[in-house]
Amino acid sequence: MSNIAKKKTTDAADSKPTRKGIAKPAENVVDMEMSTGADSHMGLRLWLRMLTTTNLVQAELRKRLRNEFDTTLPRFDLMAQLERHPEGLKMTELSRRLMVTGGNITGITDQLEKEGLVARDTDPNDRRSISVRLTPEGRALFDRMAVAHEQWVVEMFGGLDLDEKSRTHQKLGKRKQHLLNTIKS
């Protein structure tokens, strides 16, 4: 995602709640779909609709994590990776999984460690290799955040019935597989 798209996502976090609890997008959020005309290629229009939808969901999740748990989405994402690996993950693996630089992982880990939510462990066979794991306090907090996060996502997709969700999931799965098969790094 471009820095511009990320900026626009964070701008949406300043929106006002509606009756159903989902914030209305801030007026300064640019709808990515508006950047194309009606004569644009449908593939481009589809991509921009997916991007706009993702940005709206992320902005709402960021806002709710900040308001309910005084945390950020990157901190939540790092803790989610550690929750799946109780034995811990190496810093380089966290960086790879979260697709951010090692410096970002170090900064987030430093904050979480100061709060007693994660611990660093040195590999006895390689003192340069450091693993990070959730502490019991970190696991308890993450468990509460994960329940809330899941409820929020379910709520945001509540306007679709189960069949619509299933069909959309299946179609996006086909698109994902096609991309995996055709895009070689």
N, C-alpha and C. Protein backbone atom coordinates (compact mmCIF):
# COMPACT_ATOMS: atom_id res chain seq x y z
N MET A 1 0.85 -1.17 0.00
CA MET A 1 0.00 0.00 0.00
C MET A 1 0.89 1.23 0.00
N SER A 2 0.53 2.24 -0.76
CA SER A 2 1.34 3.44 -0.84
C SER A 2 1.23 4.26 0.43
N ASN A 3 2.19 5.15 0.63
CA ASN A 3 2.13 6.04 1.79
C ASN A 3 0.91 6.93 1.74
N ILE A 4 0.49 7.32 0.54
CA ILE A 4 -0.71 8.14 0.42
C ILE A 4 -1.92 7.37 0.89
N ALA A 5 -2.05 6.10 0.47
CA ALA A 5 -3.18 5.28 0.91
C ALA A 5 -3.16 5.08 2.41
N LYS A 6 -1.95 4.87 2.99
CA LYS A 6 -1.85 4.71 4.44
C LYS A 6 -2.29 5.98 5.15
N LYS A 7 -1.88 7.15 4.64
CA LYS A 7 -2.25 8.42 5.24
C LYS A 7 -3.76 8.57 5.21
N LYS A 8 -4.36 8.24 4.08
CA LYS A 8 -5.81 8.38 3.95
C LYS A 8 -6.52 7.43 4.88
N THR A 9 -5.94 6.25 5.13
CA THR A 9 -6.53 5.30 6.06
C THR A 9 -6.52 5.87 7.46
N THR A 10 -5.41 6.46 7.88
CA THR A 10 -5.34 6.99 9.24
C THR A 10 -6.24 8.20 9.39
N ASP A 11 -6.43 8.98 8.34
CA ASP A 11 -7.33 10.13 8.42
C ASP A 11 -8.75 9.69 8.74
N ALA A 12 -9.17 8.53 8.26
CA ALA A 12 -10.52 8.05 8.49
C ALA A 12 -10.77 7.72 9.95
N ALA A 13 -9.73 7.54 10.73
CA ALA A 13 -9.88 7.18 12.14
C ALA A 13 -10.48 8.32 12.95
N ASP A 14 -10.52 9.52 12.41
CA ASP A 14 -11.05 10.66 13.14
C ASP A 14 -12.53 10.88 12.86
N SER A 15 -13.23 9.87 12.42
CA SER A 15 -14.62 10.01 12.05
C SER A 15 -15.55 9.87 13.24
N LYS A 16 -16.83 10.22 13.02
CA LYS A 16 -17.81 10.22 14.10
C LYS A 16 -18.64 8.95 14.07
N PRO A 17 -19.02 8.40 15.26
CA PRO A 17 -19.81 7.17 15.30
C PRO A 17 -21.21 7.39 14.75
N THR A 18 -21.75 6.34 14.15
CA THR A 18 -23.14 6.35 13.71
C THR A 18 -23.97 5.58 14.73
N ARG A 19 -25.27 5.46 14.47
CA ARG A 19 -26.14 4.76 15.41
C ARG A 19 -25.71 3.32 15.63
N LYS A 20 -25.21 2.65 14.61
CA LYS A 20 -24.83 1.24 14.73
C LYS A 20 -23.44 1.06 15.30
N GLY A 21 -22.74 2.14 15.60
CA GLY A 21 -21.42 2.03 16.20
C GLY A 21 -20.28 2.05 15.21
N ILE A 22 -20.58 1.99 13.92
CA ILE A 22 -19.52 2.06 12.92
C ILE A 22 -19.38 3.52 12.51
N ALA A 23 -18.16 3.99 12.52
CA ALA A 23 -17.92 5.40 12.22
C ALA A 23 -18.19 5.70 10.76
N LYS A 24 -18.72 6.89 10.52
CA LYS A 24 -18.83 7.38 9.16
C LYS A 24 -17.44 7.81 8.73
N PRO A 25 -17.06 7.56 7.49
CA PRO A 25 -15.74 8.01 7.05
C PRO A 25 -15.64 9.52 7.16
N ALA A 26 -14.48 9.98 7.56
CA ALA A 26 -14.26 11.42 7.64
C ALA A 26 -14.43 12.02 6.25
N GLU A 27 -14.84 13.26 6.19
CA GLU A 27 -15.09 13.90 4.91
C GLU A 27 -13.82 14.02 4.07
N ASN A 28 -12.65 13.99 4.71
CA ASN A 28 -11.41 14.15 3.96
C ASN A 28 -10.86 12.82 3.46
N VAL A 29 -11.58 11.71 3.65
CA VAL A 29 -11.13 10.42 3.12
C VAL A 29 -11.47 10.38 1.64
N VAL A 30 -10.48 10.10 0.84
CA VAL A 30 -10.68 10.03 -0.60
C VAL A 30 -11.11 8.62 -0.95
N ASP A 31 -12.22 8.51 -1.65
CA ASP A 31 -12.68 7.23 -2.13
C ASP A 31 -11.85 6.90 -3.36
N MET A 32 -11.03 5.85 -3.28
CA MET A 32 -10.12 5.51 -4.36
C MET A 32 -10.85 5.29 -5.68
N GLU A 33 -12.08 4.84 -5.60
CA GLU A 33 -12.85 4.58 -6.83
C GLU A 33 -13.14 5.86 -7.60
N MET A 34 -13.15 6.98 -6.91
CA MET A 34 -13.47 8.24 -7.57
C MET A 34 -12.35 8.71 -8.48
N SER A 35 -11.19 8.05 -8.40
CA SER A 35 -10.07 8.48 -9.23
C SER A 35 -10.13 7.90 -10.64
N THR A 36 -11.15 7.13 -10.93
CA THR A 36 -11.30 6.58 -12.28
C THR A 36 -12.63 7.03 -12.86
N GLY A 37 -12.71 6.99 -14.15
CA GLY A 37 -13.96 7.33 -14.81
C GLY A 37 -14.76 6.08 -15.13
N ALA A 38 -15.97 6.28 -15.57
CA ALA A 38 -16.85 5.16 -15.90
C ALA A 38 -16.29 4.31 -17.03
N ASP A 39 -15.41 4.88 -17.84
CA ASP A 39 -14.84 4.15 -18.96
C ASP A 39 -13.56 3.41 -18.59
N SER A 40 -13.17 3.43 -17.31
CA SER A 40 -11.96 2.75 -16.87
C SER A 40 -12.14 1.24 -16.93
N HIS A 41 -11.03 0.55 -17.05
CA HIS A 41 -11.05 -0.91 -17.11
C HIS A 41 -11.66 -1.46 -15.82
N MET A 42 -12.53 -2.44 -15.94
CA MET A 42 -13.22 -2.99 -14.78
C MET A 42 -12.25 -3.58 -13.76
N GLY A 43 -11.12 -4.14 -14.22
CA GLY A 43 -10.12 -4.66 -13.29
C GLY A 43 -9.58 -3.57 -12.39
N LEU A 44 -9.32 -2.40 -12.94
CA LEU A 44 -8.85 -1.26 -12.16
C LEU A 44 -9.91 -0.80 -11.17
N ARG A 45 -11.13 -0.72 -11.64
CA ARG A 45 -12.23 -0.29 -10.77
C ARG A 45 -12.44 -1.28 -9.62
N LEU A 46 -12.33 -2.58 -9.91
CA LEU A 46 -12.47 -3.59 -8.88
C LEU A 46 -11.36 -3.46 -7.84
N TRP A 47 -10.11 -3.30 -8.31
CA TRP A 47 -8.98 -3.14 -7.38
C TRP A 47 -9.21 -1.93 -6.47
N LEU A 48 -9.64 -0.81 -7.03
CA LEU A 48 -9.84 0.39 -6.23
C LEU A 48 -10.99 0.22 -5.24
N ARG A 49 -12.01 -0.53 -5.61
CA ARG A 49 -13.10 -0.79 -4.66
C ARG A 49 -12.60 -1.65 -3.51
N MET A 50 -11.79 -2.67 -3.82
CA MET A 50 -11.22 -3.51 -2.76
C MET A 50 -10.31 -2.69 -1.85
N LEU A 51 -9.50 -1.82 -2.45
CA LEU A 51 -8.58 -0.98 -1.67
C LEU A 51 -9.36 -0.03 -0.76
N THR A 52 -10.39 0.61 -1.29
CA THR A 52 -11.20 1.52 -0.50
C THR A 52 -11.87 0.78 0.66
N THR A 53 -12.41 -0.38 0.38
CA THR A 53 -13.05 -1.18 1.43
C THR A 53 -12.04 -1.56 2.51
N THR A 54 -10.87 -2.01 2.09
CA THR A 54 -9.82 -2.37 3.05
C THR A 54 -9.43 -1.17 3.90
N ASN A 55 -9.26 -0.01 3.27
CA ASN A 55 -8.89 1.19 4.01
C ASN A 55 -9.94 1.58 5.03
N LEU A 56 -11.22 1.46 4.65
CA LEU A 56 -12.29 1.80 5.58
C LEU A 56 -12.31 0.85 6.78
N VAL A 57 -12.15 -0.45 6.52
CA VAL A 57 -12.13 -1.43 7.62
C VAL A 57 -10.92 -1.18 8.52
N GLN A 58 -9.76 -0.99 7.92
CA GLN A 58 -8.55 -0.75 8.73
C GLN A 58 -8.68 0.51 9.57
N ALA A 59 -9.22 1.58 9.01
CA ALA A 59 -9.38 2.83 9.75
C ALA A 59 -10.28 2.61 10.97
N GLU A 60 -11.36 1.88 10.77
CA GLU A 60 -12.27 1.62 11.89
C GLU A 60 -11.61 0.74 12.95
N LEU A 61 -10.88 -0.28 12.53
CA LEU A 61 -10.17 -1.14 13.48
C LEU A 61 -9.12 -0.35 14.26
N ARG A 62 -8.38 0.52 13.57
CA ARG A 62 -7.39 1.36 14.25
C ARG A 62 -8.05 2.23 15.32
N LYS A 63 -9.16 2.85 14.94
CA LYS A 63 -9.87 3.73 15.87
C LYS A 63 -10.35 2.95 17.09
N ARG A 64 -10.93 1.80 16.86
CA ARG A 64 -11.47 1.02 17.98
C ARG A 64 -10.37 0.46 18.87
N LEU A 65 -9.27 0.01 18.28
CA LEU A 65 -8.14 -0.47 19.10
C LEU A 65 -7.59 0.66 19.96
N ARG A 66 -7.50 1.85 19.37
CA ARG A 66 -7.00 3.01 20.11
C ARG A 66 -7.96 3.37 21.25
N ASN A 67 -9.26 3.44 20.94
CA ASN A 67 -10.25 3.85 21.94
C ASN A 67 -10.48 2.81 23.03
N GLU A 68 -10.54 1.55 22.66
CA GLU A 68 -10.87 0.49 23.62
C GLU A 68 -9.66 -0.04 24.39
N PHE A 69 -8.49 -0.08 23.73
CA PHE A 69 -7.32 -0.73 24.34
C PHE A 69 -6.08 0.15 24.37
N ASP A 70 -6.20 1.40 23.94
CA ASP A 70 -5.06 2.32 23.90
C ASP A 70 -3.86 1.68 23.21
N THR A 71 -4.12 1.06 22.06
CA THR A 71 -3.05 0.41 21.31
C THR A 71 -3.20 0.71 19.83
N THR A 72 -2.27 0.22 19.05
CA THR A 72 -2.27 0.46 17.61
C THR A 72 -2.44 -0.86 16.87
N LEU A 73 -2.80 -0.75 15.60
CA LEU A 73 -2.94 -1.94 14.77
C LEU A 73 -1.61 -2.68 14.59
N PRO A 74 -0.48 -1.98 14.39
CA PRO A 74 0.79 -2.72 14.29
C PRO A 74 1.13 -3.49 15.58
N ARG A 75 0.84 -2.93 16.73
CA ARG A 75 1.08 -3.65 17.99
C ARG A 75 0.18 -4.88 18.08
N PHE A 76 -1.09 -4.71 17.70
CA PHE A 76 -2.04 -5.83 17.69
C PHE A 76 -1.55 -6.92 16.75
N ASP A 77 -1.11 -6.53 15.55
CA ASP A 77 -0.65 -7.51 14.56
C ASP A 77 0.57 -8.28 15.05
N LEU A 78 1.51 -7.58 15.70
CA LEU A 78 2.69 -8.26 16.23
C LEU A 78 2.28 -9.25 17.33
N MET A 79 1.40 -8.82 18.21
CA MET A 79 0.94 -9.72 19.28
C MET A 79 0.17 -10.92 18.70
N ALA A 80 -0.56 -10.70 17.61
CA ALA A 80 -1.30 -11.79 16.97
C ALA A 80 -0.34 -12.85 16.44
N GLN A 81 0.76 -12.41 15.84
CA GLN A 81 1.76 -13.37 15.37
C GLN A 81 2.34 -14.16 16.53
N LEU A 82 2.63 -13.48 17.63
CA LEU A 82 3.21 -14.16 18.80
C LEU A 82 2.21 -15.10 19.46
N GLU A 83 0.94 -14.74 19.41
CA GLU A 83 -0.09 -15.60 20.02
C GLU A 83 -0.14 -16.94 19.31
N ARG A 84 0.12 -16.96 18.03
CA ARG A 84 0.10 -18.20 17.24
C ARG A 84 1.35 -19.04 17.47
N HIS A 85 2.36 -18.45 18.11
CA HIS A 85 3.64 -19.14 18.33
C HIS A 85 4.09 -18.93 19.78
N PRO A 86 3.51 -19.69 20.71
CA PRO A 86 3.83 -19.49 22.13
C PRO A 86 5.32 -19.62 22.45
N GLU A 87 6.04 -20.38 21.64
CA GLU A 87 7.48 -20.55 21.85
C GLU A 87 8.26 -19.30 21.46
N GLY A 88 7.59 -18.39 20.75
CA GLY A 88 8.21 -17.14 20.32
C GLY A 88 8.63 -17.20 18.87
N LEU A 89 8.93 -16.04 18.33
CA LEU A 89 9.40 -15.91 16.96
C LEU A 89 10.64 -15.03 16.96
N LYS A 90 11.55 -15.34 16.05
CA LYS A 90 12.73 -14.50 15.90
C LYS A 90 12.31 -13.15 15.32
N MET A 91 13.07 -12.13 15.67
CA MET A 91 12.77 -10.78 15.21
C MET A 91 12.73 -10.72 13.68
N THR A 92 13.65 -11.43 13.02
CA THR A 92 13.67 -11.43 11.56
C THR A 92 12.41 -12.08 10.99
N GLU A 93 11.91 -13.11 11.65
CA GLU A 93 10.69 -13.77 11.20
C GLU A 93 9.48 -12.85 11.39
N LEU A 94 9.43 -12.14 12.50
CA LEU A 94 8.35 -11.17 12.72
C LEU A 94 8.36 -10.11 11.62
N SER A 95 9.54 -9.62 11.30
CA SER A 95 9.68 -8.62 10.25
C SER A 95 9.17 -9.16 8.92
N ARG A 96 9.52 -10.40 8.60
CA ARG A 96 9.08 -11.02 7.35
C ARG A 96 7.56 -11.20 7.33
N ARG A 97 7.01 -11.71 8.41
CA ARG A 97 5.57 -11.98 8.47
C ARG A 97 4.73 -10.70 8.42
N LEU A 98 5.21 -9.65 9.06
CA LEU A 98 4.45 -8.40 9.11
C LEU A 98 4.81 -7.47 7.96
N MET A 99 5.79 -7.87 7.14
CA MET A 99 6.22 -7.12 5.97
C MET A 99 6.62 -5.68 6.32
N VAL A 100 7.39 -5.56 7.39
CA VAL A 100 7.94 -4.26 7.80
C VAL A 100 9.42 -4.45 8.10
N THR A 101 10.11 -3.34 8.27
CA THR A 101 11.55 -3.41 8.51
C THR A 101 11.84 -3.93 9.92
N GLY A 102 13.05 -4.41 10.09
CA GLY A 102 13.50 -4.85 11.41
C GLY A 102 13.45 -3.71 12.41
N GLY A 103 13.71 -2.48 11.96
CA GLY A 103 13.63 -1.33 12.85
C GLY A 103 12.23 -1.12 13.40
N ASN A 104 11.21 -1.33 12.55
CA ASN A 104 9.83 -1.21 13.02
C ASN A 104 9.53 -2.26 14.09
N ILE A 105 9.98 -3.49 13.85
CA ILE A 105 9.74 -4.57 14.80
C ILE A 105 10.45 -4.26 16.12
N THR A 106 11.67 -3.76 16.03
CA THR A 106 12.42 -3.42 17.25
C THR A 106 11.69 -2.35 18.05
N GLY A 107 11.21 -1.31 17.38
CA GLY A 107 10.51 -0.23 18.07
C GLY A 107 9.24 -0.71 18.77
N ILE A 108 8.44 -1.50 18.07
CA ILE A 108 7.20 -2.01 18.66
C ILE A 108 7.53 -2.96 19.81
N THR A 109 8.52 -3.82 19.60
CA THR A 109 8.91 -4.77 20.64
C THR A 109 9.42 -4.04 21.88
N ASP A 110 10.20 -2.98 21.68
CA ASP A 110 10.69 -2.19 22.82
C ASP A 110 9.52 -1.66 23.65
N GLN A 111 8.51 -1.11 22.98
CA GLN A 111 7.34 -0.57 23.70
C GLN A 111 6.61 -1.68 24.46
N LEU A 112 6.34 -2.79 23.78
CA LEU A 112 5.61 -3.89 24.42
C LEU A 112 6.40 -4.50 25.57
N GLU A 113 7.71 -4.55 25.42
CA GLU A 113 8.55 -5.09 26.50
C GLU A 113 8.52 -4.18 27.72
N LYS A 114 8.57 -2.88 27.53
CA LYS A 114 8.50 -1.93 28.65
C LYS A 114 7.19 -2.08 29.42
N GLU A 115 6.13 -2.43 28.69
CA GLU A 115 4.81 -2.61 29.32
C GLU A 115 4.63 -4.01 29.90
N GLY A 116 5.63 -4.87 29.76
CA GLY A 116 5.54 -6.22 30.30
C GLY A 116 4.68 -7.16 29.49
N LEU A 117 4.44 -6.83 28.22
CA LEU A 117 3.55 -7.65 27.38
C LEU A 117 4.30 -8.67 26.54
N VAL A 118 5.59 -8.43 26.28
CA VAL A 118 6.43 -9.39 25.58
C VAL A 118 7.77 -9.50 26.30
N ALA A 119 8.45 -10.60 26.02
CA ALA A 119 9.80 -10.81 26.56
C ALA A 119 10.71 -11.24 25.42
N ARG A 120 11.96 -10.85 25.51
CA ARG A 120 12.96 -11.25 24.52
C ARG A 120 13.79 -12.39 25.12
N ASP A 121 14.10 -13.36 24.28
CA ASP A 121 14.94 -14.49 24.69
C ASP A 121 16.08 -14.63 23.69
N THR A 122 17.30 -14.77 24.20
CA THR A 122 18.47 -14.98 23.35
C THR A 122 18.61 -16.47 23.08
N ASP A 123 18.88 -16.81 21.83
CA ASP A 123 19.11 -18.20 21.45
C ASP A 123 20.44 -18.66 22.04
N PRO A 124 20.44 -19.73 22.85
CA PRO A 124 21.69 -20.17 23.47
C PRO A 124 22.73 -20.62 22.44
N ASN A 125 22.29 -21.02 21.25
CA ASN A 125 23.21 -21.46 20.21
C ASN A 125 23.70 -20.32 19.32
N ASP A 126 23.01 -19.18 19.37
CA ASP A 126 23.38 -18.04 18.53
C ASP A 126 22.97 -16.77 19.27
N ARG A 127 23.90 -16.18 20.00
CA ARG A 127 23.60 -15.04 20.85
C ARG A 127 23.13 -13.82 20.07
N ARG A 128 23.35 -13.81 18.74
CA ARG A 128 22.87 -12.70 17.91
C ARG A 128 21.39 -12.85 17.59
N SER A 129 20.86 -14.04 17.75
CA SER A 129 19.47 -14.33 17.39
C SER A 129 18.57 -14.14 18.62
N ILE A 130 17.56 -13.29 18.47
CA ILE A 130 16.66 -12.99 19.57
C ILE A 130 15.25 -13.37 19.17
N SER A 131 14.58 -14.10 20.07
CA SER A 131 13.17 -14.44 19.88
C SER A 131 12.33 -13.58 20.80
N VAL A 132 11.10 -13.35 20.38
CA VAL A 132 10.15 -12.58 21.18
C VAL A 132 8.94 -13.47 21.44
N ARG A 133 8.44 -13.41 22.65
CA ARG A 133 7.24 -14.18 23.00
C ARG A 133 6.33 -13.32 23.87
N LEU A 134 5.06 -13.66 23.88
CA LEU A 134 4.12 -12.98 24.77
C LEU A 134 4.37 -13.41 26.20
N THR A 135 4.24 -12.48 27.12
CA THR A 135 4.24 -12.82 28.54
C THR A 135 2.82 -13.24 28.91
N PRO A 136 2.61 -13.81 30.09
CA PRO A 136 1.23 -14.13 30.50
C PRO A 136 0.33 -12.89 30.47
N GLU A 137 0.86 -11.74 30.87
CA GLU A 137 0.07 -10.51 30.83
C GLU A 137 -0.26 -10.13 29.39
N GLY A 138 0.72 -10.28 28.50
CA GLY A 138 0.50 -9.99 27.09
C GLY A 138 -0.53 -10.91 26.47
N ARG A 139 -0.47 -12.18 26.83
CA ARG A 139 -1.43 -13.16 26.31
C ARG A 139 -2.85 -12.82 26.79
N ALA A 140 -2.99 -12.46 28.06
CA ALA A 140 -4.31 -12.12 28.60
C ALA A 140 -4.88 -10.89 27.89
N LEU A 141 -4.04 -9.86 27.69
CA LEU A 141 -4.51 -8.67 26.99
C LEU A 141 -4.85 -8.99 25.55
N PHE A 142 -3.99 -9.74 24.87
CA PHE A 142 -4.26 -10.07 23.48
C PHE A 142 -5.56 -10.87 23.35
N ASP A 143 -5.80 -11.80 24.26
CA ASP A 143 -7.04 -12.58 24.21
C ASP A 143 -8.27 -11.67 24.25
N ARG A 144 -8.24 -10.65 25.10
CA ARG A 144 -9.37 -9.71 25.18
C ARG A 144 -9.47 -8.89 23.88
N MET A 145 -8.33 -8.44 23.37
CA MET A 145 -8.34 -7.66 22.13
C MET A 145 -8.83 -8.50 20.96
N ALA A 146 -8.41 -9.75 20.89
CA ALA A 146 -8.78 -10.62 19.77
C ALA A 146 -10.29 -10.86 19.73
N VAL A 147 -10.89 -11.04 20.90
CA VAL A 147 -12.35 -11.24 20.95
C VAL A 147 -13.06 -10.00 20.43
N ALA A 148 -12.63 -8.84 20.89
CA ALA A 148 -13.24 -7.59 20.45
C ALA A 148 -13.01 -7.38 18.95
N HIS A 149 -11.79 -7.60 18.49
CA HIS A 149 -11.44 -7.43 17.08
C HIS A 149 -12.33 -8.30 16.20
N GLU A 150 -12.50 -9.55 16.57
CA GLU A 150 -13.34 -10.44 15.79
C GLU A 150 -14.79 -9.94 15.74
N GLN A 151 -15.30 -9.48 16.88
CA GLN A 151 -16.67 -8.95 16.91
C GLN A 151 -16.81 -7.73 16.02
N TRP A 152 -15.80 -6.87 16.03
CA TRP A 152 -15.85 -5.67 15.19
C TRP A 152 -15.88 -6.03 13.71
N VAL A 153 -15.04 -6.98 13.31
CA VAL A 153 -14.98 -7.37 11.90
C VAL A 153 -16.31 -8.02 11.49
N VAL A 154 -16.84 -8.89 12.33
CA VAL A 154 -18.12 -9.53 12.04
C VAL A 154 -19.20 -8.45 11.89
N GLU A 155 -19.19 -7.46 12.75
CA GLU A 155 -20.16 -6.36 12.68
C GLU A 155 -20.02 -5.58 11.38
N MET A 156 -18.79 -5.30 10.98
CA MET A 156 -18.58 -4.51 9.77
C MET A 156 -19.02 -5.24 8.50
N PHE A 157 -19.04 -6.56 8.52
CA PHE A 157 -19.50 -7.33 7.38
C PHE A 157 -20.92 -7.87 7.60
N GLY A 158 -21.61 -7.30 8.59
CA GLY A 158 -22.95 -7.73 8.93
C GLY A 158 -23.99 -7.44 7.87
N GLY A 159 -23.70 -6.55 6.95
CA GLY A 159 -24.67 -6.21 5.91
C GLY A 159 -24.77 -7.27 4.82
N LEU A 160 -23.93 -8.30 4.89
CA LEU A 160 -23.96 -9.39 3.91
C LEU A 160 -24.49 -10.65 4.57
N ASP A 161 -25.34 -11.39 3.84
CA ASP A 161 -25.78 -12.67 4.40
C ASP A 161 -24.68 -13.71 4.21
N LEU A 162 -24.84 -14.86 4.84
CA LEU A 162 -23.81 -15.89 4.82
C LEU A 162 -23.46 -16.33 3.41
N ASP A 163 -24.47 -16.45 2.55
CA ASP A 163 -24.22 -16.87 1.17
C ASP A 163 -23.39 -15.83 0.42
N GLU A 164 -23.69 -14.54 0.61
CA GLU A 164 -22.91 -13.48 -0.04
C GLU A 164 -21.47 -13.48 0.45
N LYS A 165 -21.28 -13.66 1.73
CA LYS A 165 -19.92 -13.71 2.29
C LYS A 165 -19.16 -14.90 1.72
N SER A 166 -19.81 -16.03 1.65
CA SER A 166 -19.18 -17.24 1.14
C SER A 166 -18.79 -17.09 -0.33
N ARG A 167 -19.68 -16.56 -1.15
CA ARG A 167 -19.39 -16.37 -2.57
C ARG A 167 -18.25 -15.38 -2.77
N THR A 168 -18.27 -14.29 -2.02
CA THR A 168 -17.21 -13.28 -2.14
C THR A 168 -15.87 -13.88 -1.71
N HIS A 169 -15.88 -14.62 -0.62
CA HIS A 169 -14.67 -15.27 -0.12
C HIS A 169 -14.12 -16.23 -1.18
N GLN A 170 -14.99 -17.01 -1.79
CA GLN A 170 -14.58 -17.96 -2.81
C GLN A 170 -14.00 -17.25 -4.04
N LYS A 171 -14.65 -16.19 -4.49
CA LYS A 171 -14.17 -15.46 -5.66
C LYS A 171 -12.83 -14.79 -5.38
N LEU A 172 -12.67 -14.22 -4.20
CA LEU A 172 -11.38 -13.60 -3.86
C LEU A 172 -10.30 -14.67 -3.72
N GLY A 173 -10.67 -15.85 -3.28
CA GLY A 173 -9.72 -16.96 -3.20
C GLY A 173 -9.22 -17.36 -4.58
N LYS A 174 -10.12 -17.39 -5.54
CA LYS A 174 -9.72 -17.70 -6.92
C LYS A 174 -8.79 -16.62 -7.45
N ARG A 175 -9.09 -15.36 -7.15
CA ARG A 175 -8.24 -14.26 -7.60
C ARG A 175 -6.87 -14.37 -6.95
N LYS A 176 -6.84 -14.66 -5.66
CA LYS A 176 -5.57 -14.80 -4.94
C LYS A 176 -4.74 -15.92 -5.55
N GLN A 177 -5.35 -17.07 -5.82
CA GLN A 177 -4.62 -18.20 -6.39
C GLN A 177 -4.09 -17.87 -7.78
N HIS A 178 -4.90 -17.19 -8.57
CA HIS A 178 -4.44 -16.77 -9.90
C HIS A 178 -3.20 -15.89 -9.78
N LEU A 179 -3.25 -14.93 -8.86
CA LEU A 179 -2.09 -14.04 -8.67
C LEU A 179 -0.87 -14.82 -8.19
N LEU A 180 -1.06 -15.74 -7.26
CA LEU A 180 0.05 -16.54 -6.78
C LEU A 180 0.67 -17.36 -7.91
N ASN A 181 -0.17 -17.85 -8.81
CA ASN A 181 0.31 -18.66 -9.94
C ASN A 181 0.99 -17.84 -11.03
N THR A 182 0.60 -16.57 -11.18
CA THR A 182 1.13 -15.78 -12.29
C THR A 182 2.21 -14.79 -11.90
N ILE A 183 2.26 -14.39 -10.66
CA ILE A 183 3.26 -13.42 -10.23
C ILE A 183 4.39 -14.16 -9.53
N LYS A 184 5.52 -14.19 -10.16
CA LYS A 184 6.69 -14.87 -9.60
C LYS A 184 7.68 -13.81 -9.17
N SER A 185 8.15 -13.94 -7.96
CA SER A 185 9.14 -12.98 -7.45
C SER A 185 10.54 -13.45 -7.75
